[in-house]
């Protein structure tokens, strides 16, 4: 099975919906108070199906609206936004045993594969053509069979990633 089909399947199942480990970075020389309008840009990444793409964009739009930013589809926006997604696999060893102090014991170990999903949200200044802010959330994928629960997880993850956008001004 191709990696992109695994990714889309996991996203469709709601896999990349919780952001446990959130990081962000930004250019401290940028005056973020000058950004009032934004435009979506496509970044080179495997995109999920249309429904999940709309959900991710809609959740980001909602967060940006709360921060006072307005989307534009024509003209030059103040800032551009795009997202990237990825799923990596990590190996995990689970071991257990019963040991005796004298004479040995017994035990076993099993290997399992964990899928770790990452959602990155990037902001670019179109005037300078440079990345000015990046946030990402990473979590082991644990999809629910309940689509509503998955959507709520996605909303919470995006809110957590964008919590520090725009960065607080230094006083």
Protein backbone atom coordinates (compact mmCIF):
# COMPACT_ATOMS: atom_id res chain seq x y z
CA UNK A 1 0.00 0.00 0.00
CA UNK A 2 1.37 3.44 -0.91
CA UNK A 3 2.17 5.89 1.92
CA UNK A 4 -0.22 8.55 0.58
CA UNK A 5 -3.14 6.10 0.59
CA UNK A 6 -2.34 5.15 4.19
CA UNK A 7 -2.22 8.83 5.08
CA UNK A 8 -5.53 9.61 3.42
CA UNK A 9 -7.13 6.59 5.03
CA UNK A 10 -5.93 7.61 8.47
CA UNK A 11 -7.06 11.18 7.96
CA UNK A 12 -10.44 10.08 6.69
CA UNK A 13 -10.79 7.96 9.80
CA UNK A 14 -10.05 11.03 11.86
CA UNK A 15 -6.55 9.97 12.74
CA UNK A 16 -4.73 13.28 12.64
CA UNK A 17 -7.12 14.94 15.01
CA UNK A 18 -5.42 15.39 18.31
CA UNK A 19 -2.33 17.47 18.84
CA UNK A 20 -0.48 16.40 21.94
CA UNK A 21 2.95 17.81 21.20
CA UNK A 22 2.61 21.36 19.85
CA UNK A 23 5.51 23.55 18.75
CA UNK A 24 5.75 26.88 17.01
CA UNK A 25 8.41 29.19 15.70
CA UNK A 26 8.33 32.65 14.13
CA UNK A 27 10.46 35.47 12.82
CA UNK A 28 10.80 37.89 15.77
CA UNK A 29 11.57 40.81 13.43
CA UNK A 30 8.09 40.65 11.87
CA UNK A 31 5.33 43.04 12.98
CA UNK A 32 2.36 40.67 13.07
CA UNK A 33 -0.10 43.49 13.84
CA UNK A 34 0.09 44.54 10.15
CA UNK A 35 -1.65 41.34 9.04
CA UNK A 36 -5.41 41.72 8.64
CA UNK A 37 -6.24 39.69 5.52
CA UNK A 38 -5.09 36.26 4.42
CA UNK A 39 -5.23 33.97 1.43
CA UNK A 40 -4.87 30.21 1.19
CA UNK A 41 -1.90 28.75 -0.68
CA UNK A 42 -1.24 25.13 -1.55
CA UNK A 43 1.93 23.65 -0.12
CA UNK A 44 3.75 20.62 -1.54
CA UNK A 45 2.25 17.85 0.54
CA UNK A 46 -0.07 14.90 0.28
CA UNK A 47 -3.50 16.38 0.78
CA UNK A 48 -6.35 14.42 2.28
CA UNK A 49 -9.63 13.89 0.53
CA UNK A 50 -11.81 16.90 -0.26
CA UNK A 51 -13.97 16.54 2.85
CA UNK A 52 -11.03 16.45 5.27
CA UNK A 53 -9.29 19.29 3.39
CA UNK A 54 -12.44 21.43 3.77
CA UNK A 55 -12.66 20.56 7.45
CA UNK A 56 -9.02 21.50 8.12
CA UNK A 57 -9.35 24.75 6.18
CA UNK A 58 -12.69 25.53 7.85
CA UNK A 59 -11.26 24.98 11.32
CA UNK A 60 -8.24 27.17 10.52
CA UNK A 61 -10.57 29.83 9.02
CA UNK A 62 -12.62 29.83 12.24
CA UNK A 63 -9.52 30.29 14.41
CA UNK A 64 -8.21 33.10 12.20
CA UNK A 65 -11.61 34.84 12.25
CA UNK A 66 -11.47 34.81 16.08
CA UNK A 67 -8.08 36.54 15.78
CA UNK A 68 -9.52 39.25 13.52
CA UNK A 69 -8.16 38.05 10.18
CA UNK A 70 -10.35 38.12 7.06
CA UNK A 71 -9.93 35.77 4.08
CA UNK A 72 -9.55 37.25 0.59
CA UNK A 73 -9.62 35.47 -2.75
CA UNK A 74 -8.50 38.34 -5.00
CA UNK A 75 -5.82 40.97 -4.76
CA UNK A 76 -2.75 40.89 -2.56
CA UNK A 77 -3.40 39.55 0.95
CA UNK A 78 -1.42 40.71 3.98
CA UNK A 79 -0.40 37.12 4.74
CA UNK A 80 -0.75 33.67 3.17
CA UNK A 81 -1.56 30.43 4.98
CA UNK A 82 -1.13 26.78 4.06
CA UNK A 83 -0.92 23.46 5.83
CA UNK A 84 1.04 20.25 5.54
CA UNK A 85 0.32 16.80 6.87
CA UNK A 86 2.45 13.71 7.36
CA UNK A 87 2.25 10.32 8.99
CA UNK A 88 5.38 8.55 10.20
CA UNK A 89 5.64 5.07 11.60
CA UNK A 90 7.53 4.31 14.78
CA UNK A 91 8.30 0.90 16.30
CA UNK A 92 7.31 0.17 19.88
CA UNK A 93 8.41 -2.82 21.93
CA UNK A 94 6.06 -4.15 24.60
CA UNK A 95 7.73 -6.54 27.03
CA UNK A 96 6.53 -8.39 30.07
CA UNK A 97 7.83 -11.24 32.09
CA UNK A 98 7.89 -13.13 35.30
CA UNK A 99 11.32 -13.55 36.74
CA UNK A 100 12.51 -15.54 39.68
CA UNK A 101 15.58 -14.58 41.63
CA UNK A 102 16.98 -18.09 41.47
CA UNK A 103 16.48 -20.38 38.53
CA UNK A 104 15.37 -17.85 35.90
CA UNK A 105 11.92 -16.92 34.71
CA UNK A 106 10.05 -16.34 31.49
CA UNK A 107 8.95 -13.38 29.44
CA UNK A 108 7.98 -12.18 26.05
CA UNK A 109 8.26 -9.09 23.92
CA UNK A 110 6.12 -7.98 21.00
CA UNK A 111 6.69 -5.27 18.48
CA UNK A 112 3.96 -2.94 17.31
CA UNK A 113 3.89 -0.08 14.85
CA UNK A 114 2.56 3.31 15.90
CA UNK A 115 1.38 5.83 13.35
CA UNK A 116 2.35 9.36 14.39
CA UNK A 117 0.50 12.14 12.60
CA UNK A 118 1.74 15.71 12.15
CA UNK A 119 -0.22 18.76 11.07
CA UNK A 120 1.84 21.85 10.25
CA UNK A 121 0.34 25.30 9.64
CA UNK A 122 2.53 27.85 7.86
CA UNK A 123 2.16 31.61 7.36
CA UNK A 124 4.05 33.47 4.64
CA UNK A 125 4.50 37.17 4.01
CA UNK A 126 3.70 37.60 0.30
CA UNK A 127 5.66 40.88 0.08
CA UNK A 128 8.92 39.28 1.25
CA UNK A 129 8.06 35.74 0.09
CA UNK A 130 9.24 34.36 3.41
CA UNK A 131 7.92 32.05 6.09
CA UNK A 132 7.06 34.18 9.13
CA UNK A 133 5.31 31.70 11.46
CA UNK A 134 5.02 27.91 11.69
CA UNK A 135 3.10 25.80 14.15
CA UNK A 136 2.77 22.04 14.26
CA UNK A 137 1.03 19.42 16.31
CA UNK A 138 2.12 15.79 16.56
CA UNK A 139 0.33 12.85 18.15
CA UNK A 140 0.02 9.11 17.92
CA UNK A 141 -2.97 8.44 15.71
CA UNK A 142 -5.95 7.00 17.51
CA UNK A 143 -9.03 7.53 15.36
CA UNK A 144 -12.52 7.20 16.72
CA UNK A 145 -15.33 5.53 14.82
CA UNK A 146 -17.45 8.59 15.69
CA UNK A 147 -17.03 11.29 12.98
CA UNK A 148 -18.36 14.02 15.30
CA UNK A 149 -15.73 13.16 17.91
CA UNK A 150 -13.03 13.21 15.24
CA UNK A 151 -14.17 16.65 14.07
CA UNK A 152 -14.09 17.97 17.64
CA UNK A 153 -10.56 16.60 18.05
CA UNK A 154 -9.50 18.34 14.85
CA UNK A 155 -10.95 21.65 16.04
CA UNK A 156 -9.15 21.34 19.38
CA UNK A 157 -5.86 20.42 17.69
CA UNK A 158 -5.98 23.39 15.34
CA UNK A 159 -6.93 25.74 18.19
CA UNK A 160 -3.98 24.42 20.19
CA UNK A 161 -1.57 24.84 17.25
CA UNK A 162 -2.78 28.40 16.56
CA UNK A 163 -2.93 29.42 20.22
CA UNK A 164 0.29 31.42 19.83
CA UNK A 165 -0.56 33.00 16.48
CA UNK A 166 0.01 35.82 16.15
CA UNK A 167 2.84 35.95 18.66
CA UNK A 168 2.41 38.30 21.58
CA UNK A 169 4.05 41.68 21.08
CA UNK A 170 7.02 42.47 23.25
CA UNK A 171 6.38 45.30 25.67
